[in-house]
């Protein structure tokens, strides 16, 4: 039994749903970033599944650009989290980002 594109799309939908629920439920900034990354990886999985099904490399090129943007997002997000941790010596929540206003 070989997995088809449908299997990969179901797994991608499950990963995206888990990431979406995690974004709505959790207030910890680190967990929220991990949920965003999980959602981006779910989209990448669906891009690759469609790309292999259609024999087109356009989806794989899109995955490359999504990974580049995700790496930049993580770098900026972690810089913001470090800035919040330096101001408040406790755990950072999404509401604490408002403290960074000058």
N, C-alpha and C. Protein backbone atom coordinates (compact mmCIF):
# COMPACT_ATOMS: atom_id res chain seq x y z
N UNK A 1 0.84 -1.18 0.00
CA UNK A 1 0.00 0.00 0.00
C UNK A 1 0.89 1.24 0.00
N UNK A 2 0.85 2.00 -1.06
CA UNK A 2 1.66 3.21 -1.16
C UNK A 2 0.81 4.44 -0.83
N UNK A 3 1.41 5.38 -0.14
CA UNK A 3 0.64 6.59 0.19
C UNK A 3 0.42 7.45 -1.04
N UNK A 4 -0.76 7.96 -1.17
CA UNK A 4 -1.10 8.84 -2.29
C UNK A 4 -1.07 10.29 -1.80
N UNK A 5 -1.36 11.20 -2.71
CA UNK A 5 -1.37 12.62 -2.35
C UNK A 5 -2.46 12.92 -1.32
N UNK A 6 -3.52 12.14 -1.34
CA UNK A 6 -4.60 12.35 -0.38
C UNK A 6 -4.13 12.14 1.05
N UNK A 7 -3.30 11.13 1.26
CA UNK A 7 -2.75 10.87 2.59
C UNK A 7 -1.94 12.07 3.08
N UNK A 8 -1.10 12.59 2.20
CA UNK A 8 -0.28 13.74 2.59
C UNK A 8 -1.13 14.97 2.87
N UNK A 9 -2.20 15.15 2.11
CA UNK A 9 -3.07 16.30 2.34
C UNK A 9 -3.85 16.16 3.65
N UNK A 10 -4.22 14.94 4.01
CA UNK A 10 -4.89 14.73 5.30
C UNK A 10 -3.94 15.03 6.45
N UNK A 11 -2.70 14.56 6.33
CA UNK A 11 -1.69 14.85 7.37
C UNK A 11 -1.43 16.35 7.45
N UNK A 12 -1.36 17.02 6.30
CA UNK A 12 -1.15 18.46 6.29
C UNK A 12 -2.33 19.19 6.94
N UNK A 13 -3.54 18.73 6.68
CA UNK A 13 -4.71 19.35 7.31
C UNK A 13 -4.70 19.16 8.82
N UNK A 14 -4.29 17.97 9.27
CA UNK A 14 -4.20 17.73 10.71
C UNK A 14 -3.14 18.61 11.35
N UNK A 15 -1.97 18.73 10.72
CA UNK A 15 -0.91 19.58 11.26
C UNK A 15 -1.34 21.04 11.30
N UNK A 16 -2.00 21.49 10.25
CA UNK A 16 -2.47 22.87 10.22
C UNK A 16 -3.53 23.12 11.30
N UNK A 17 -4.40 22.15 11.52
CA UNK A 17 -5.43 22.29 12.56
C UNK A 17 -4.81 22.33 13.95
N UNK A 18 -3.83 21.48 14.18
CA UNK A 18 -3.15 21.49 15.48
C UNK A 18 -2.46 22.84 15.71
N UNK A 19 -1.81 23.36 14.68
CA UNK A 19 -1.17 24.67 14.79
C UNK A 19 -2.17 25.78 15.02
N UNK A 20 -3.30 25.74 14.32
CA UNK A 20 -4.32 26.77 14.51
C UNK A 20 -4.93 26.75 15.89
N UNK A 21 -5.21 25.56 16.40
CA UNK A 21 -5.76 25.45 17.76
C UNK A 21 -4.73 25.91 18.78
N UNK A 22 -3.47 25.57 18.56
CA UNK A 22 -2.41 26.02 19.47
C UNK A 22 -2.27 27.53 19.48
N UNK A 23 -2.45 28.17 18.33
CA UNK A 23 -2.38 29.63 18.28
C UNK A 23 -3.53 30.27 19.04
N UNK A 24 -4.71 29.65 18.98
CA UNK A 24 -5.88 30.23 19.64
C UNK A 24 -5.91 29.97 21.14
N UNK A 25 -5.32 28.86 21.56
CA UNK A 25 -5.44 28.45 22.96
C UNK A 25 -4.30 28.98 23.82
N UNK A 26 -3.09 28.90 23.34
CA UNK A 26 -1.92 29.23 24.16
C UNK A 26 -1.59 30.71 24.09
N UNK A 27 -1.04 31.27 25.16
CA UNK A 27 -0.63 32.67 25.20
C UNK A 27 0.89 32.82 25.30
N UNK A 28 1.61 31.73 25.45
CA UNK A 28 3.06 31.78 25.52
C UNK A 28 3.60 32.06 24.12
N UNK A 29 4.52 33.02 24.02
CA UNK A 29 4.99 33.45 22.73
C UNK A 29 5.80 32.37 22.03
N UNK A 30 6.60 31.63 22.77
CA UNK A 30 7.40 30.56 22.17
C UNK A 30 6.49 29.48 21.58
N UNK A 31 5.46 29.11 22.30
CA UNK A 31 4.52 28.10 21.80
C UNK A 31 3.78 28.63 20.58
N UNK A 32 3.46 29.91 20.59
CA UNK A 32 2.78 30.50 19.44
C UNK A 32 3.68 30.47 18.20
N UNK A 33 4.96 30.74 18.38
CA UNK A 33 5.89 30.65 17.25
C UNK A 33 6.01 29.22 16.74
N UNK A 34 6.02 28.26 17.65
CA UNK A 34 6.08 26.87 17.21
C UNK A 34 4.82 26.48 16.45
N UNK A 35 3.68 27.01 16.86
CA UNK A 35 2.43 26.71 16.15
C UNK A 35 2.42 27.34 14.76
N UNK A 36 2.97 28.54 14.63
CA UNK A 36 3.07 29.16 13.31
C UNK A 36 3.98 28.33 12.41
N UNK A 37 5.09 27.86 12.96
CA UNK A 37 6.00 27.02 12.17
C UNK A 37 5.33 25.71 11.77
N UNK A 38 4.52 25.15 12.66
CA UNK A 38 3.80 23.92 12.34
C UNK A 38 2.81 24.16 11.20
N UNK A 39 2.14 25.30 11.23
CA UNK A 39 1.21 25.63 10.16
C UNK A 39 1.94 25.85 8.83
N UNK A 40 3.10 26.50 8.88
CA UNK A 40 3.87 26.70 7.65
C UNK A 40 4.37 25.38 7.08
N UNK A 41 4.77 24.46 7.95
CA UNK A 41 5.21 23.16 7.47
C UNK A 41 4.06 22.34 6.90
N UNK A 42 2.86 22.53 7.41
CA UNK A 42 1.70 21.85 6.84
C UNK A 42 1.42 22.37 5.43
N UNK A 43 1.55 23.66 5.25
CA UNK A 43 1.38 24.23 3.91
C UNK A 43 2.47 23.73 2.97
N UNK A 44 3.70 23.63 3.48
CA UNK A 44 4.79 23.11 2.66
C UNK A 44 4.53 21.67 2.24
N UNK A 45 4.00 20.87 3.14
CA UNK A 45 3.69 19.48 2.82
C UNK A 45 2.63 19.40 1.72
N UNK A 46 1.64 20.26 1.78
CA UNK A 46 0.61 20.24 0.73
C UNK A 46 1.18 20.75 -0.60
N UNK A 47 2.08 21.74 -0.55
CA UNK A 47 2.74 22.20 -1.78
C UNK A 47 3.51 21.06 -2.44
N UNK A 48 4.26 20.31 -1.65
CA UNK A 48 5.06 19.21 -2.20
C UNK A 48 4.15 18.10 -2.71
N UNK A 49 3.06 17.81 -2.02
CA UNK A 49 2.13 16.77 -2.47
C UNK A 49 1.52 17.14 -3.82
N UNK A 50 1.09 18.39 -3.95
CA UNK A 50 0.52 18.82 -5.23
C UNK A 50 1.59 18.88 -6.32
N UNK A 51 2.79 19.26 -5.93
CA UNK A 51 3.88 19.35 -6.91
C UNK A 51 4.23 17.99 -7.48
N UNK A 52 4.28 16.97 -6.64
CA UNK A 52 4.60 15.64 -7.15
C UNK A 52 3.43 15.05 -7.93
N UNK A 53 2.21 15.36 -7.54
CA UNK A 53 1.06 14.83 -8.26
C UNK A 53 0.94 15.45 -9.65
N UNK A 54 1.29 16.73 -9.78
CA UNK A 54 1.16 17.42 -11.06
C UNK A 54 2.44 17.41 -11.88
N UNK A 55 3.50 16.81 -11.35
CA UNK A 55 4.82 16.80 -12.02
C UNK A 55 5.29 18.20 -12.38
N UNK A 56 5.21 19.09 -11.41
CA UNK A 56 5.62 20.47 -11.61
C UNK A 56 6.52 20.86 -10.44
N UNK A 57 7.58 21.59 -10.71
CA UNK A 57 8.50 21.98 -9.65
C UNK A 57 8.11 23.31 -9.01
N UNK A 58 7.04 23.91 -9.47
CA UNK A 58 6.60 25.19 -8.91
C UNK A 58 6.28 25.12 -7.43
N UNK A 59 5.68 24.02 -7.00
CA UNK A 59 5.37 23.86 -5.58
C UNK A 59 6.61 23.72 -4.74
N UNK A 60 7.62 23.05 -5.26
CA UNK A 60 8.86 22.88 -4.51
C UNK A 60 9.64 24.18 -4.43
N UNK A 61 9.55 25.00 -5.46
CA UNK A 61 10.18 26.33 -5.41
C UNK A 61 9.46 27.20 -4.38
N UNK A 62 8.15 27.09 -4.30
CA UNK A 62 7.38 27.83 -3.30
C UNK A 62 7.77 27.42 -1.90
N UNK A 63 8.01 26.12 -1.70
CA UNK A 63 8.44 25.63 -0.40
C UNK A 63 9.76 26.26 -0.01
N UNK A 64 10.67 26.38 -0.96
CA UNK A 64 11.97 27.01 -0.67
C UNK A 64 11.78 28.44 -0.18
N UNK A 65 10.93 29.21 -0.85
CA UNK A 65 10.71 30.59 -0.45
C UNK A 65 9.98 30.69 0.88
N UNK A 66 9.06 29.79 1.15
CA UNK A 66 8.37 29.78 2.44
C UNK A 66 9.35 29.48 3.56
N UNK A 67 10.28 28.56 3.34
CA UNK A 67 11.29 28.25 4.36
C UNK A 67 12.21 29.44 4.62
N UNK A 68 12.55 30.19 3.58
CA UNK A 68 13.40 31.37 3.76
C UNK A 68 12.67 32.42 4.58
N UNK A 69 11.41 32.66 4.27
CA UNK A 69 10.62 33.65 5.02
C UNK A 69 10.41 33.18 6.46
N UNK A 70 10.22 31.88 6.66
CA UNK A 70 10.04 31.35 8.01
C UNK A 70 11.31 31.52 8.84
N UNK A 71 12.47 31.36 8.22
CA UNK A 71 13.72 31.55 8.96
C UNK A 71 13.88 33.01 9.37
N UNK A 72 13.51 33.94 8.50
CA UNK A 72 13.58 35.35 8.86
C UNK A 72 12.58 35.69 9.96
N UNK A 73 11.41 35.09 9.88
CA UNK A 73 10.39 35.32 10.91
C UNK A 73 10.85 34.83 12.27
N UNK A 74 11.51 33.68 12.30
CA UNK A 74 12.00 33.14 13.57
C UNK A 74 13.09 34.04 14.14
N UNK A 75 13.96 34.55 13.31
CA UNK A 75 15.04 35.41 13.80
C UNK A 75 14.48 36.69 14.41
N UNK A 76 13.51 37.30 13.75
CA UNK A 76 12.91 38.53 14.29
C UNK A 76 12.08 38.23 15.53
N UNK A 77 11.33 37.13 15.48
CA UNK A 77 10.49 36.77 16.63
C UNK A 77 11.31 36.46 17.86
N UNK A 78 12.40 35.74 17.69
CA UNK A 78 13.24 35.44 18.86
C UNK A 78 13.92 36.69 19.40
N UNK A 79 14.24 37.64 18.53
CA UNK A 79 14.80 38.91 19.01
C UNK A 79 13.78 39.66 19.86
N UNK A 80 12.52 39.64 19.44
CA UNK A 80 11.47 40.28 20.25
C UNK A 80 11.28 39.57 21.58
N UNK A 81 11.33 38.26 21.58
CA UNK A 81 11.16 37.51 22.82
C UNK A 81 12.30 37.79 23.78
N UNK A 82 13.52 37.86 23.27
CA UNK A 82 14.66 38.19 24.12
C UNK A 82 14.51 39.59 24.71
N UNK A 83 14.01 40.53 23.92
CA UNK A 83 13.80 41.89 24.42
C UNK A 83 12.76 41.91 25.53
N UNK A 84 11.71 41.12 25.40
CA UNK A 84 10.69 41.05 26.46
C UNK A 84 11.27 40.39 27.70
N UNK A 85 12.05 39.33 27.55
CA UNK A 85 12.64 38.66 28.70
C UNK A 85 13.62 39.57 29.43
N UNK A 86 14.31 40.45 28.72
CA UNK A 86 15.24 41.36 29.39
C UNK A 86 14.50 42.40 30.22
N UNK A 87 13.33 42.80 29.77
CA UNK A 87 12.56 43.77 30.54
C UNK A 87 11.86 43.15 31.74
N UNK A 88 11.29 41.97 31.53
CA UNK A 88 10.57 41.28 32.61
C UNK A 88 11.27 39.98 32.89
N UNK A 89 11.77 39.72 33.93
CA UNK A 89 12.55 38.52 34.21
C UNK A 89 11.68 37.27 34.38
N UNK A 90 10.51 37.28 33.80
CA UNK A 90 9.61 36.11 33.90
C UNK A 90 9.20 35.68 32.51
N UNK A 91 8.29 34.73 32.42
CA UNK A 91 7.82 34.21 31.14
C UNK A 91 7.12 35.27 30.32
N UNK A 92 7.34 35.24 29.03
CA UNK A 92 6.75 36.23 28.13
C UNK A 92 5.44 35.69 27.56
N UNK A 93 4.42 36.53 27.62
CA UNK A 93 3.15 36.19 26.99
C UNK A 93 2.93 37.15 25.83
N UNK A 94 1.90 36.88 25.05
CA UNK A 94 1.63 37.71 23.88
C UNK A 94 1.22 39.13 24.29
N UNK A 95 0.68 39.29 25.47
CA UNK A 95 0.28 40.62 25.93
C UNK A 95 1.47 41.48 26.34
N UNK A 96 2.62 40.87 26.61
CA UNK A 96 3.79 41.62 27.05
C UNK A 96 4.50 42.35 25.92
N UNK A 97 4.16 42.08 24.69
CA UNK A 97 4.80 42.76 23.55
C UNK A 97 4.46 44.25 23.57
N UNK A 98 3.32 44.62 24.13
CA UNK A 98 2.93 46.02 24.20
C UNK A 98 3.88 46.83 25.07
N UNK A 99 4.64 46.19 25.94
CA UNK A 99 5.60 46.89 26.79
C UNK A 99 6.80 47.40 26.01
N UNK A 100 7.03 46.91 24.81
CA UNK A 100 8.19 47.31 24.03
C UNK A 100 8.01 48.65 23.33
N UNK A 101 6.84 49.24 23.43
CA UNK A 101 6.63 50.54 22.81
C UNK A 101 7.50 51.59 23.51
N UNK A 102 8.07 52.45 22.72
CA UNK A 102 8.98 53.47 23.26
C UNK A 102 8.23 54.59 23.79
